[in-house]
N, C-alpha and C. Protein backbone atom coordinates (compact mmCIF):
# COMPACT_ATOMS: atom_id res chain seq x y z
N MET A 1 42.73 35.16 -3.83
CA MET A 1 42.42 36.54 -3.42
C MET A 1 42.34 37.44 -4.65
N ARG A 2 41.28 38.24 -4.73
CA ARG A 2 41.11 39.11 -5.88
C ARG A 2 41.91 40.40 -5.70
N PHE A 3 42.41 40.94 -6.82
CA PHE A 3 43.05 42.25 -6.79
C PHE A 3 41.99 43.33 -6.88
N LYS A 4 42.23 44.46 -6.26
CA LYS A 4 41.31 45.58 -6.34
C LYS A 4 41.36 46.19 -7.73
N ASP A 5 40.19 46.59 -8.24
CA ASP A 5 40.17 47.26 -9.53
C ASP A 5 40.12 48.77 -9.32
N VAL A 6 40.12 49.52 -10.41
CA VAL A 6 40.13 50.98 -10.32
C VAL A 6 38.91 51.49 -9.57
N PHE A 7 37.74 50.86 -9.79
CA PHE A 7 36.52 51.28 -9.11
C PHE A 7 36.70 51.21 -7.60
N SER A 8 37.34 50.13 -7.11
CA SER A 8 37.52 49.95 -5.68
C SER A 8 38.43 51.01 -5.09
N ILE A 9 39.39 51.49 -5.89
CA ILE A 9 40.41 52.39 -5.36
C ILE A 9 39.95 53.85 -5.38
N ILE A 10 39.41 54.32 -6.50
CA ILE A 10 39.09 55.74 -6.62
C ILE A 10 37.60 56.02 -6.54
N GLY A 11 36.78 54.98 -6.53
CA GLY A 11 35.35 55.18 -6.43
C GLY A 11 34.72 55.44 -7.78
N PRO A 12 33.39 55.50 -7.82
CA PRO A 12 32.68 55.63 -9.09
C PRO A 12 32.52 57.07 -9.53
N SER A 13 32.26 57.26 -10.83
CA SER A 13 31.75 58.54 -11.30
C SER A 13 30.34 58.66 -10.77
N MET A 14 30.01 59.78 -10.13
CA MET A 14 28.76 59.79 -9.38
C MET A 14 28.15 61.19 -9.28
N VAL A 15 26.86 61.20 -9.00
CA VAL A 15 26.16 62.39 -8.55
C VAL A 15 26.21 62.38 -7.04
N GLY A 16 26.76 63.44 -6.41
CA GLY A 16 27.04 63.49 -4.97
C GLY A 16 25.79 63.52 -4.11
N PRO A 17 25.99 63.76 -2.80
CA PRO A 17 27.21 64.30 -2.21
C PRO A 17 28.18 63.27 -1.63
N SER A 18 27.79 62.03 -1.48
CA SER A 18 28.62 61.09 -0.73
C SER A 18 28.70 59.75 -1.45
N SER A 19 29.92 59.20 -1.56
CA SER A 19 30.05 57.89 -2.20
C SER A 19 29.36 56.81 -1.38
N SER A 20 29.44 56.91 -0.06
CA SER A 20 28.80 55.90 0.78
C SER A 20 27.29 56.03 0.81
N HIS A 21 26.81 57.27 0.98
CA HIS A 21 25.38 57.48 1.16
C HIS A 21 24.63 57.66 -0.16
N THR A 22 25.35 57.93 -1.24
CA THR A 22 24.67 58.14 -2.52
C THR A 22 25.05 57.07 -3.54
N ALA A 23 26.32 57.01 -3.94
CA ALA A 23 26.73 56.03 -4.95
C ALA A 23 26.50 54.61 -4.48
N GLY A 24 26.86 54.31 -3.23
CA GLY A 24 26.62 52.97 -2.70
C GLY A 24 25.14 52.62 -2.66
N ALA A 25 24.32 53.61 -2.32
CA ALA A 25 22.87 53.37 -2.28
C ALA A 25 22.31 53.10 -3.67
N VAL A 26 22.81 53.81 -4.69
CA VAL A 26 22.39 53.54 -6.06
C VAL A 26 22.70 52.09 -6.41
N ARG A 27 23.91 51.65 -6.10
CA ARG A 27 24.31 50.28 -6.45
C ARG A 27 23.51 49.24 -5.68
N LEU A 28 23.16 49.53 -4.44
CA LEU A 28 22.29 48.61 -3.69
C LEU A 28 20.92 48.49 -4.34
N GLY A 29 20.35 49.65 -4.73
CA GLY A 29 19.05 49.63 -5.39
C GLY A 29 19.08 48.87 -6.71
N ARG A 30 20.13 49.11 -7.52
CA ARG A 30 20.25 48.41 -8.80
C ARG A 30 20.40 46.91 -8.59
N THR A 31 21.20 46.53 -7.60
CA THR A 31 21.38 45.10 -7.33
C THR A 31 20.07 44.45 -6.94
N ALA A 32 19.31 45.11 -6.07
CA ALA A 32 18.02 44.55 -5.66
C ALA A 32 17.09 44.39 -6.86
N ARG A 33 17.07 45.39 -7.73
CA ARG A 33 16.24 45.28 -8.95
C ARG A 33 16.67 44.09 -9.80
N HIS A 34 17.97 43.88 -9.95
CA HIS A 34 18.46 42.78 -10.78
C HIS A 34 18.19 41.43 -10.15
N VAL A 35 18.13 41.39 -8.82
CA VAL A 35 17.74 40.14 -8.16
C VAL A 35 16.28 39.81 -8.50
N LEU A 36 15.43 40.82 -8.51
CA LEU A 36 14.04 40.60 -8.92
C LEU A 36 13.96 40.24 -10.40
N GLY A 37 14.79 40.88 -11.22
CA GLY A 37 14.82 40.59 -12.64
C GLY A 37 14.08 41.58 -13.50
N GLU A 38 13.40 42.54 -12.89
CA GLU A 38 12.66 43.56 -13.62
C GLU A 38 12.29 44.67 -12.66
N GLN A 39 11.67 45.72 -13.20
CA GLN A 39 11.30 46.84 -12.33
C GLN A 39 10.19 46.43 -11.38
N PRO A 40 10.34 46.71 -10.09
CA PRO A 40 9.28 46.38 -9.14
C PRO A 40 8.08 47.31 -9.28
N GLU A 41 6.93 46.82 -8.86
CA GLU A 41 5.73 47.65 -8.82
C GLU A 41 5.60 48.36 -7.48
N GLN A 42 6.00 47.69 -6.41
CA GLN A 42 5.97 48.26 -5.07
C GLN A 42 7.28 47.95 -4.36
N VAL A 43 7.77 48.93 -3.59
CA VAL A 43 9.03 48.77 -2.88
C VAL A 43 8.89 49.35 -1.47
N GLU A 44 9.42 48.62 -0.51
CA GLU A 44 9.59 49.17 0.83
C GLU A 44 11.09 49.17 1.14
N ILE A 45 11.60 50.34 1.52
CA ILE A 45 13.02 50.49 1.86
C ILE A 45 13.12 50.78 3.35
N ILE A 46 13.90 49.96 4.05
CA ILE A 46 14.09 50.14 5.49
C ILE A 46 15.55 50.51 5.73
N PHE A 47 15.78 51.70 6.26
CA PHE A 47 17.14 52.17 6.53
C PHE A 47 17.51 51.91 7.99
N TYR A 48 18.79 51.53 8.18
CA TYR A 48 19.32 51.30 9.53
C TYR A 48 20.55 52.17 9.75
N GLY A 49 20.87 52.39 11.02
CA GLY A 49 22.11 53.07 11.39
C GLY A 49 22.20 54.47 10.83
N SER A 50 23.36 54.80 10.26
CA SER A 50 23.59 56.12 9.69
C SER A 50 22.62 56.42 8.56
N PHE A 51 22.31 55.41 7.76
CA PHE A 51 21.31 55.59 6.70
C PHE A 51 20.00 56.09 7.27
N ALA A 52 19.61 55.57 8.43
CA ALA A 52 18.32 55.94 9.03
C ALA A 52 18.28 57.39 9.45
N THR A 53 19.41 57.91 9.92
CA THR A 53 19.41 59.27 10.46
C THR A 53 19.75 60.34 9.43
N THR A 54 20.41 59.96 8.34
CA THR A 54 20.89 60.98 7.40
C THR A 54 20.40 60.79 5.97
N HIS A 55 19.49 59.84 5.74
CA HIS A 55 19.16 59.51 4.35
C HIS A 55 18.53 60.68 3.59
N ARG A 56 17.79 61.53 4.28
CA ARG A 56 17.19 62.68 3.57
C ARG A 56 18.25 63.72 3.22
N GLY A 57 19.09 64.06 4.18
CA GLY A 57 20.09 65.09 3.95
C GLY A 57 21.14 64.70 2.93
N HIS A 58 21.49 63.41 2.87
CA HIS A 58 22.54 62.95 1.96
C HIS A 58 21.99 62.39 0.65
N GLY A 59 20.68 62.43 0.50
CA GLY A 59 20.10 61.96 -0.76
C GLY A 59 20.10 60.45 -0.91
N THR A 60 20.22 59.71 0.19
CA THR A 60 20.24 58.25 0.11
C THR A 60 18.90 57.71 -0.38
N ASP A 61 17.82 58.36 0.03
CA ASP A 61 16.50 57.92 -0.44
C ASP A 61 16.38 58.08 -1.96
N LEU A 62 16.81 59.23 -2.48
CA LEU A 62 16.81 59.45 -3.93
C LEU A 62 17.69 58.42 -4.64
N ALA A 63 18.87 58.19 -4.07
CA ALA A 63 19.82 57.28 -4.70
C ALA A 63 19.29 55.85 -4.76
N MET A 64 18.68 55.40 -3.68
CA MET A 64 18.15 54.05 -3.65
C MET A 64 17.04 53.87 -4.68
N ILE A 65 16.16 54.85 -4.76
CA ILE A 65 15.07 54.78 -5.75
C ILE A 65 15.62 54.82 -7.16
N ALA A 66 16.64 55.66 -7.38
CA ALA A 66 17.27 55.73 -8.70
C ALA A 66 17.84 54.38 -9.10
N GLY A 67 18.49 53.70 -8.16
CA GLY A 67 19.02 52.38 -8.44
C GLY A 67 17.92 51.39 -8.79
N LEU A 68 16.81 51.48 -8.10
CA LEU A 68 15.67 50.60 -8.39
C LEU A 68 15.09 50.87 -9.78
N LEU A 69 15.31 52.09 -10.28
CA LEU A 69 14.92 52.42 -11.65
C LEU A 69 16.01 52.03 -12.65
N ASP A 70 17.10 51.45 -12.16
CA ASP A 70 18.24 50.98 -12.95
C ASP A 70 19.10 52.12 -13.48
N TYR A 71 19.11 53.27 -12.78
CA TYR A 71 20.01 54.35 -13.13
C TYR A 71 21.39 54.05 -12.55
N ASP A 72 22.43 54.54 -13.22
CA ASP A 72 23.79 54.36 -12.74
C ASP A 72 24.16 55.50 -11.80
N THR A 73 25.35 55.40 -11.19
CA THR A 73 25.73 56.35 -10.15
C THR A 73 25.94 57.77 -10.65
N ASP A 74 26.17 57.94 -11.96
CA ASP A 74 26.41 59.28 -12.50
C ASP A 74 25.23 59.82 -13.30
N ASP A 75 24.07 59.21 -13.16
CA ASP A 75 22.88 59.61 -13.91
C ASP A 75 22.25 60.85 -13.25
N LEU A 76 22.12 61.92 -14.00
CA LEU A 76 21.58 63.16 -13.44
C LEU A 76 20.12 63.03 -13.02
N ARG A 77 19.44 62.00 -13.49
CA ARG A 77 18.04 61.78 -13.10
C ARG A 77 17.91 61.34 -11.64
N ILE A 78 19.02 61.04 -10.99
CA ILE A 78 18.97 60.67 -9.57
C ILE A 78 18.25 61.75 -8.77
N ARG A 79 18.48 63.01 -9.11
CA ARG A 79 17.87 64.12 -8.37
C ARG A 79 16.35 64.14 -8.50
N GLU A 80 15.83 63.50 -9.54
CA GLU A 80 14.39 63.49 -9.79
C GLU A 80 13.79 62.11 -9.54
N ALA A 81 14.45 61.30 -8.71
CA ALA A 81 14.09 59.90 -8.59
C ALA A 81 12.65 59.69 -8.12
N PHE A 82 12.19 60.50 -7.17
CA PHE A 82 10.82 60.34 -6.69
C PHE A 82 9.82 60.55 -7.82
N GLU A 83 10.03 61.61 -8.58
CA GLU A 83 9.11 61.90 -9.69
C GLU A 83 9.20 60.83 -10.77
N ARG A 84 10.42 60.38 -11.06
CA ARG A 84 10.61 59.35 -12.09
C ARG A 84 9.96 58.04 -11.67
N ALA A 85 10.03 57.70 -10.39
CA ALA A 85 9.39 56.48 -9.90
C ALA A 85 7.88 56.56 -10.06
N GLU A 86 7.33 57.73 -9.74
CA GLU A 86 5.88 57.91 -9.88
C GLU A 86 5.47 57.78 -11.35
N GLU A 87 6.26 58.37 -12.24
CA GLU A 87 5.96 58.26 -13.68
C GLU A 87 6.02 56.81 -14.16
N ALA A 88 6.94 56.04 -13.57
CA ALA A 88 7.12 54.65 -13.97
C ALA A 88 6.11 53.71 -13.30
N GLY A 89 5.28 54.26 -12.41
CA GLY A 89 4.28 53.43 -11.74
C GLY A 89 4.84 52.60 -10.60
N MET A 90 5.97 53.03 -10.05
CA MET A 90 6.60 52.29 -8.95
C MET A 90 6.26 52.99 -7.63
N LYS A 91 5.54 52.32 -6.76
CA LYS A 91 5.17 52.88 -5.47
C LYS A 91 6.25 52.57 -4.45
N VAL A 92 6.67 53.60 -3.71
CA VAL A 92 7.79 53.45 -2.79
C VAL A 92 7.37 53.89 -1.39
N LYS A 93 7.73 53.05 -0.42
CA LYS A 93 7.55 53.39 1.00
C LYS A 93 8.91 53.32 1.66
N ILE A 94 9.24 54.35 2.45
CA ILE A 94 10.53 54.41 3.13
C ILE A 94 10.32 54.56 4.62
N ARG A 95 11.05 53.78 5.41
CA ARG A 95 10.99 53.93 6.86
C ARG A 95 12.34 53.59 7.47
N SER A 96 12.52 53.97 8.72
CA SER A 96 13.75 53.69 9.45
C SER A 96 13.47 52.70 10.56
N ALA A 97 14.48 51.95 10.94
CA ALA A 97 14.33 50.97 12.01
C ALA A 97 15.70 50.74 12.65
N GLN A 98 15.70 50.01 13.74
CA GLN A 98 16.93 49.63 14.42
C GLN A 98 17.20 48.15 14.16
N LYS A 99 18.47 47.83 13.97
CA LYS A 99 18.87 46.44 13.75
C LYS A 99 20.26 46.26 14.32
N ALA A 100 20.39 45.38 15.28
CA ALA A 100 21.67 45.18 15.95
C ALA A 100 22.65 44.42 15.06
N GLY A 101 23.93 44.75 15.21
CA GLY A 101 24.97 43.97 14.58
C GLY A 101 25.13 44.16 13.08
N VAL A 102 24.65 45.29 12.53
CA VAL A 102 24.80 45.51 11.10
C VAL A 102 25.73 46.70 10.85
N HIS A 103 26.25 46.78 9.64
CA HIS A 103 27.05 47.92 9.22
C HIS A 103 26.20 49.19 9.35
N PRO A 104 26.82 50.34 9.71
CA PRO A 104 26.03 51.57 9.88
C PRO A 104 25.24 51.99 8.65
N ASN A 105 25.73 51.69 7.46
CA ASN A 105 25.04 52.08 6.23
C ASN A 105 24.35 50.86 5.61
N THR A 106 23.28 50.43 6.23
CA THR A 106 22.59 49.20 5.81
C THR A 106 21.14 49.49 5.48
N ALA A 107 20.62 48.75 4.52
CA ALA A 107 19.21 48.87 4.15
C ALA A 107 18.67 47.50 3.77
N THR A 108 17.40 47.31 4.07
CA THR A 108 16.65 46.16 3.56
C THR A 108 15.66 46.68 2.53
N ILE A 109 15.62 46.03 1.39
CA ILE A 109 14.76 46.44 0.29
C ILE A 109 13.80 45.30 -0.02
N ILE A 110 12.52 45.57 0.09
CA ILE A 110 11.48 44.56 -0.16
C ILE A 110 10.78 44.95 -1.46
N LEU A 111 10.89 44.07 -2.46
CA LEU A 111 10.38 44.37 -3.79
C LEU A 111 9.22 43.44 -4.14
N HIS A 112 8.19 44.03 -4.74
CA HIS A 112 7.03 43.26 -5.18
C HIS A 112 6.76 43.52 -6.66
N ARG A 113 6.45 42.48 -7.39
CA ARG A 113 5.92 42.60 -8.74
C ARG A 113 5.04 41.39 -8.99
N GLY A 114 3.73 41.64 -9.21
CA GLY A 114 2.79 40.54 -9.35
C GLY A 114 2.81 39.69 -8.10
N ASP A 115 3.00 38.38 -8.26
CA ASP A 115 3.06 37.50 -7.10
C ASP A 115 4.49 37.26 -6.62
N GLN A 116 5.45 37.99 -7.20
CA GLN A 116 6.84 37.86 -6.77
C GLN A 116 7.14 38.80 -5.60
N LYS A 117 7.93 38.30 -4.67
CA LYS A 117 8.42 39.12 -3.56
C LYS A 117 9.87 38.74 -3.31
N ILE A 118 10.75 39.74 -3.28
CA ILE A 118 12.17 39.54 -3.03
C ILE A 118 12.60 40.46 -1.89
N VAL A 119 13.38 39.95 -0.97
CA VAL A 119 13.90 40.75 0.14
C VAL A 119 15.43 40.73 0.09
N VAL A 120 16.03 41.91 -0.06
CA VAL A 120 17.48 42.03 -0.19
C VAL A 120 18.00 42.96 0.92
N THR A 121 19.02 42.52 1.63
CA THR A 121 19.68 43.37 2.63
C THR A 121 21.14 43.54 2.25
N GLY A 122 21.59 44.78 2.29
CA GLY A 122 22.99 45.04 1.95
C GLY A 122 23.48 46.32 2.59
N SER A 123 24.79 46.54 2.49
CA SER A 123 25.42 47.69 3.11
C SER A 123 26.29 48.44 2.11
N SER A 124 26.38 49.75 2.28
CA SER A 124 27.32 50.57 1.53
C SER A 124 28.57 50.70 2.39
N ILE A 125 29.68 50.12 1.91
CA ILE A 125 30.85 49.94 2.78
C ILE A 125 31.98 50.93 2.51
N GLY A 126 31.70 51.94 1.66
CA GLY A 126 32.68 52.99 1.41
C GLY A 126 33.16 53.03 -0.02
N GLY A 127 33.39 54.24 -0.51
CA GLY A 127 33.91 54.42 -1.86
C GLY A 127 32.94 54.00 -2.95
N GLY A 128 31.65 53.94 -2.62
CA GLY A 128 30.66 53.50 -3.60
C GLY A 128 30.52 52.00 -3.68
N ASN A 129 31.29 51.27 -2.88
CA ASN A 129 31.22 49.80 -2.89
C ASN A 129 30.11 49.31 -1.95
N ILE A 130 29.58 48.14 -2.28
CA ILE A 130 28.50 47.56 -1.48
C ILE A 130 28.82 46.12 -1.13
N GLU A 131 28.06 45.61 -0.18
CA GLU A 131 28.12 44.19 0.16
C GLU A 131 26.70 43.73 0.44
N VAL A 132 26.22 42.79 -0.34
CA VAL A 132 24.90 42.19 -0.10
C VAL A 132 25.09 41.04 0.87
N VAL A 133 24.26 41.00 1.93
CA VAL A 133 24.46 40.01 2.99
C VAL A 133 23.29 39.05 3.16
N SER A 134 22.16 39.36 2.52
CA SER A 134 21.00 38.47 2.67
C SER A 134 20.05 38.64 1.49
N ILE A 135 19.56 37.51 0.98
CA ILE A 135 18.51 37.51 -0.03
C ILE A 135 17.48 36.46 0.37
N ASP A 136 16.27 36.90 0.63
CA ASP A 136 15.19 35.98 1.01
C ASP A 136 15.60 35.01 2.11
N ASP A 137 16.21 35.53 3.16
CA ASP A 137 16.65 34.75 4.32
C ASP A 137 17.81 33.81 4.04
N PHE A 138 18.39 33.86 2.85
CA PHE A 138 19.65 33.17 2.60
C PHE A 138 20.79 34.09 3.00
N ASP A 139 21.76 33.57 3.75
CA ASP A 139 22.95 34.34 4.08
C ASP A 139 23.91 34.28 2.91
N VAL A 140 24.22 35.45 2.34
CA VAL A 140 25.11 35.53 1.19
C VAL A 140 26.16 36.59 1.44
N LYS A 141 27.11 36.70 0.51
CA LYS A 141 28.10 37.77 0.61
C LYS A 141 28.68 37.99 -0.77
N PHE A 142 28.29 39.10 -1.40
CA PHE A 142 28.90 39.47 -2.67
C PHE A 142 28.85 40.98 -2.84
N THR A 143 29.69 41.48 -3.75
CA THR A 143 29.88 42.93 -3.89
C THR A 143 29.28 43.52 -5.15
N ALA A 144 28.91 42.69 -6.10
CA ALA A 144 28.39 43.13 -7.41
C ALA A 144 29.44 43.87 -8.24
N ILE A 145 30.70 43.80 -7.85
CA ILE A 145 31.76 44.37 -8.69
C ILE A 145 31.99 43.48 -9.91
N TYR A 146 31.91 42.17 -9.70
CA TYR A 146 32.13 41.21 -10.76
C TYR A 146 30.80 40.64 -11.23
N PRO A 147 30.73 40.12 -12.46
CA PRO A 147 29.50 39.43 -12.89
C PRO A 147 29.18 38.32 -11.90
N THR A 148 27.97 38.35 -11.35
CA THR A 148 27.60 37.43 -10.27
C THR A 148 26.33 36.69 -10.62
N LEU A 149 26.38 35.36 -10.52
CA LEU A 149 25.21 34.53 -10.75
C LEU A 149 24.57 34.17 -9.42
N LEU A 150 23.26 34.35 -9.34
CA LEU A 150 22.47 33.86 -8.22
C LEU A 150 21.64 32.70 -8.75
N ILE A 151 21.88 31.52 -8.23
CA ILE A 151 21.19 30.32 -8.71
C ILE A 151 20.34 29.78 -7.57
N PHE A 152 19.03 29.90 -7.72
CA PHE A 152 18.08 29.40 -6.73
C PHE A 152 17.71 27.97 -7.14
N HIS A 153 17.90 27.03 -6.25
CA HIS A 153 17.73 25.63 -6.65
C HIS A 153 17.39 24.76 -5.45
N ALA A 154 17.04 23.51 -5.74
CA ALA A 154 16.84 22.54 -4.68
C ALA A 154 18.18 22.00 -4.21
N ASP A 155 18.27 21.68 -2.94
CA ASP A 155 19.49 21.12 -2.38
C ASP A 155 19.47 19.60 -2.62
N ARG A 156 20.13 19.19 -3.69
CA ARG A 156 20.22 17.75 -3.98
C ARG A 156 21.66 17.37 -4.30
N ARG A 157 21.96 16.12 -4.11
CA ARG A 157 23.30 15.62 -4.34
C ARG A 157 23.70 15.78 -5.81
N GLY A 158 24.87 16.34 -6.05
CA GLY A 158 25.41 16.41 -7.39
C GLY A 158 25.12 17.69 -8.15
N ILE A 159 24.23 18.54 -7.63
CA ILE A 159 23.84 19.71 -8.42
C ILE A 159 24.98 20.72 -8.54
N LEU A 160 25.81 20.85 -7.50
CA LEU A 160 26.93 21.78 -7.59
C LEU A 160 27.96 21.31 -8.61
N ALA A 161 28.18 20.01 -8.68
CA ALA A 161 29.10 19.46 -9.67
C ALA A 161 28.60 19.72 -11.08
N GLU A 162 27.29 19.66 -11.27
CA GLU A 162 26.71 19.93 -12.59
C GLU A 162 26.90 21.40 -12.97
N MET A 163 26.75 22.29 -11.99
CA MET A 163 26.97 23.71 -12.26
C MET A 163 28.43 23.97 -12.65
N THR A 164 29.35 23.46 -11.85
CA THR A 164 30.76 23.75 -12.10
C THR A 164 31.24 23.07 -13.39
N ASP A 165 30.59 21.98 -13.78
CA ASP A 165 30.96 21.33 -15.04
C ASP A 165 30.63 22.24 -16.23
N ILE A 166 29.53 22.98 -16.13
CA ILE A 166 29.19 23.94 -17.19
C ILE A 166 30.26 25.02 -17.28
N PHE A 167 30.73 25.50 -16.13
CA PHE A 167 31.81 26.48 -16.14
C PHE A 167 33.06 25.89 -16.79
N LYS A 168 33.39 24.66 -16.42
CA LYS A 168 34.59 24.02 -16.94
C LYS A 168 34.57 23.94 -18.47
N HIS A 169 33.45 23.53 -19.03
CA HIS A 169 33.36 23.34 -20.48
C HIS A 169 33.09 24.65 -21.23
N SER A 170 32.87 25.73 -20.48
CA SER A 170 32.68 27.04 -21.12
C SER A 170 33.93 27.90 -21.00
N ASN A 171 34.97 27.34 -20.39
CA ASN A 171 36.22 28.08 -20.19
C ASN A 171 35.98 29.38 -19.43
N THR A 172 35.09 29.30 -18.44
CA THR A 172 34.75 30.45 -17.60
C THR A 172 35.24 30.20 -16.19
N ASN A 173 35.94 31.16 -15.62
CA ASN A 173 36.55 30.96 -14.32
C ASN A 173 35.66 31.44 -13.18
N ILE A 174 35.60 30.65 -12.12
CA ILE A 174 34.88 31.03 -10.90
C ILE A 174 35.85 31.73 -9.96
N GLY A 175 35.54 32.98 -9.63
CA GLY A 175 36.38 33.72 -8.70
C GLY A 175 36.02 33.49 -7.25
N PHE A 176 34.73 33.27 -7.00
CA PHE A 176 34.24 33.07 -5.64
C PHE A 176 32.92 32.32 -5.72
N MET A 177 32.69 31.42 -4.76
CA MET A 177 31.45 30.65 -4.77
C MET A 177 31.06 30.31 -3.34
N GLU A 178 29.77 30.43 -3.04
CA GLU A 178 29.27 29.99 -1.74
C GLU A 178 27.83 29.52 -1.88
N VAL A 179 27.42 28.68 -0.95
CA VAL A 179 26.08 28.10 -0.98
C VAL A 179 25.44 28.25 0.40
N ASP A 180 24.18 28.60 0.43
CA ASP A 180 23.41 28.56 1.68
C ASP A 180 22.12 27.81 1.40
N ARG A 181 21.65 27.08 2.37
CA ARG A 181 20.41 26.33 2.21
C ARG A 181 19.53 26.52 3.44
N LYS A 182 18.22 26.45 3.20
CA LYS A 182 17.29 26.66 4.30
C LYS A 182 17.09 25.39 5.12
N SER A 183 17.27 24.25 4.49
CA SER A 183 17.19 22.97 5.18
C SER A 183 17.82 21.90 4.31
N ARG A 184 18.16 20.78 4.89
CA ARG A 184 18.71 19.69 4.12
C ARG A 184 17.65 19.19 3.13
N SER A 185 18.05 19.11 1.85
CA SER A 185 17.14 18.72 0.76
C SER A 185 16.03 19.74 0.53
N GLY A 186 16.22 20.96 1.05
CA GLY A 186 15.24 22.02 0.84
C GLY A 186 15.71 23.00 -0.21
N ASP A 187 15.32 24.27 -0.05
CA ASP A 187 15.73 25.31 -1.00
C ASP A 187 17.15 25.77 -0.69
N ALA A 188 17.88 26.11 -1.76
CA ALA A 188 19.26 26.58 -1.62
C ALA A 188 19.51 27.72 -2.58
N LEU A 189 20.53 28.50 -2.25
CA LEU A 189 20.98 29.59 -3.12
C LEU A 189 22.49 29.49 -3.27
N THR A 190 22.94 29.38 -4.51
CA THR A 190 24.37 29.38 -4.81
C THR A 190 24.73 30.72 -5.45
N VAL A 191 25.77 31.35 -4.93
CA VAL A 191 26.28 32.62 -5.44
C VAL A 191 27.64 32.37 -6.06
N ILE A 192 27.80 32.76 -7.33
CA ILE A 192 29.06 32.56 -8.03
C ILE A 192 29.50 33.88 -8.66
N GLU A 193 30.67 34.38 -8.22
CA GLU A 193 31.28 35.53 -8.87
C GLU A 193 32.21 35.02 -9.97
N CYS A 194 32.11 35.64 -11.15
CA CYS A 194 32.84 35.16 -12.32
C CYS A 194 33.86 36.20 -12.78
N ASP A 195 34.90 35.71 -13.46
CA ASP A 195 35.91 36.61 -14.01
C ASP A 195 35.53 37.13 -15.39
N GLU A 196 34.59 36.46 -16.05
CA GLU A 196 34.19 36.86 -17.40
C GLU A 196 32.73 37.25 -17.43
N ILE A 197 32.36 38.06 -18.42
CA ILE A 197 30.95 38.39 -18.66
C ILE A 197 30.26 37.15 -19.21
N LEU A 198 29.08 36.83 -18.71
CA LEU A 198 28.36 35.62 -19.09
C LEU A 198 27.31 35.95 -20.15
N ASP A 199 27.23 35.12 -21.18
CA ASP A 199 26.25 35.36 -22.23
C ASP A 199 24.96 34.59 -21.96
N CYS A 200 23.95 34.86 -22.77
CA CYS A 200 22.63 34.26 -22.57
C CYS A 200 22.66 32.74 -22.70
N GLU A 201 23.47 32.24 -23.63
CA GLU A 201 23.55 30.79 -23.83
C GLU A 201 24.08 30.10 -22.57
N PHE A 202 25.08 30.69 -21.94
CA PHE A 202 25.63 30.12 -20.72
C PHE A 202 24.56 30.08 -19.62
N ILE A 203 23.85 31.19 -19.45
CA ILE A 203 22.84 31.26 -18.40
C ILE A 203 21.71 30.27 -18.68
N GLU A 204 21.34 30.10 -19.94
CA GLU A 204 20.31 29.13 -20.29
C GLU A 204 20.73 27.71 -19.94
N ARG A 205 22.01 27.39 -20.07
CA ARG A 205 22.49 26.06 -19.70
C ARG A 205 22.37 25.84 -18.20
N ILE A 206 22.65 26.87 -17.42
CA ILE A 206 22.47 26.75 -15.97
C ILE A 206 20.98 26.58 -15.65
N CYS A 207 20.15 27.38 -16.29
CA CYS A 207 18.70 27.31 -16.05
C CYS A 207 18.12 25.94 -16.38
N SER A 208 18.72 25.26 -17.36
CA SER A 208 18.18 23.97 -17.82
C SER A 208 18.52 22.81 -16.90
N LEU A 209 19.37 23.04 -15.91
CA LEU A 209 19.71 21.95 -15.00
C LEU A 209 18.49 21.54 -14.18
N PRO A 210 18.32 20.23 -13.95
CA PRO A 210 17.21 19.79 -13.09
C PRO A 210 17.29 20.41 -11.71
N ASP A 211 16.14 20.83 -11.19
CA ASP A 211 16.00 21.38 -9.84
C ASP A 211 16.53 22.80 -9.68
N VAL A 212 16.90 23.45 -10.79
CA VAL A 212 17.20 24.88 -10.74
C VAL A 212 15.89 25.64 -10.95
N HIS A 213 15.53 26.47 -9.99
CA HIS A 213 14.25 27.17 -10.03
C HIS A 213 14.33 28.47 -10.84
N ARG A 214 15.37 29.26 -10.59
CA ARG A 214 15.56 30.49 -11.35
C ARG A 214 17.00 30.94 -11.20
N VAL A 215 17.44 31.74 -12.16
CA VAL A 215 18.81 32.25 -12.17
C VAL A 215 18.75 33.75 -12.42
N ARG A 216 19.56 34.49 -11.69
CA ARG A 216 19.67 35.93 -11.90
C ARG A 216 21.14 36.29 -12.10
N LEU A 217 21.39 37.18 -13.06
CA LEU A 217 22.74 37.69 -13.29
C LEU A 217 22.82 39.12 -12.78
N ILE A 218 23.76 39.37 -11.88
CA ILE A 218 24.01 40.72 -11.38
C ILE A 218 25.28 41.21 -12.05
N HIS A 219 25.14 42.20 -12.91
CA HIS A 219 26.32 42.77 -13.56
C HIS A 219 26.09 44.27 -13.71
N LEU A 220 26.48 45.01 -12.71
CA LEU A 220 26.29 46.45 -12.73
C LEU A 220 27.33 47.13 -13.59
N GLY A 221 28.51 46.51 -13.70
CA GLY A 221 29.58 47.11 -14.49
C GLY A 221 30.13 48.35 -13.82
N VAL A 222 31.15 48.92 -14.44
CA VAL A 222 31.70 50.21 -14.03
C VAL A 222 31.76 51.07 -15.26
N LYS A 223 32.15 52.32 -15.10
CA LYS A 223 32.16 53.26 -16.21
C LYS A 223 32.98 52.68 -17.37
N GLY A 224 32.37 52.63 -18.54
CA GLY A 224 33.04 52.07 -19.71
C GLY A 224 32.87 50.57 -19.83
N ASP A 225 32.12 49.94 -18.90
CA ASP A 225 31.91 48.49 -18.93
C ASP A 225 30.42 48.24 -18.83
N ARG A 226 29.77 48.10 -19.96
CA ARG A 226 28.33 47.94 -19.98
C ARG A 226 27.91 46.60 -20.54
N GLY A 227 28.77 45.60 -20.45
CA GLY A 227 28.50 44.31 -21.07
C GLY A 227 27.27 43.63 -20.54
């Protein structure tokens, strides 16, 4: 069981008005961008629940776009996110919908760049904290508080042992790990939360494993932690 850090207890340094509707939305947007690996060219944001009814008044739309531009929760440019997105050439479409059984502050973010398409669903769960629950139809669960590896790979025997062996020989600790697959011997996604910041050499070793398609590192950090 992980201990709560200062961010979890007192929340982030942020541009208001709401940690759930603003800071959490920024972190959701940043996480989705990092899953894609670069700035998207086109984005569709679908708000559910409370997000759907209050996103304009609470600035959730601005916050989500700011996160997609990779701004942090205390960046004053959040207020100008629509204009900044237009300047950056990022086209944004926002709509609301109904979805049963989800947290009230939930959004699905569909990102396009070239022939890449990524779909991320997550929730702002309070105090600026988030929980990502789906990536490209894979069921996942991570908070982006800790350095998190997303490893997209084929589901084959022995591949998880090869991944964990790299951790073992790098003296890097796994705090949490889960795997989802679309079918037996089909595509799979492994999510690993780490206790240490991961360097490029480590990630390259994971990428070099047979049947690993791509790897993404999610590390949003907190104030004073920009590793």
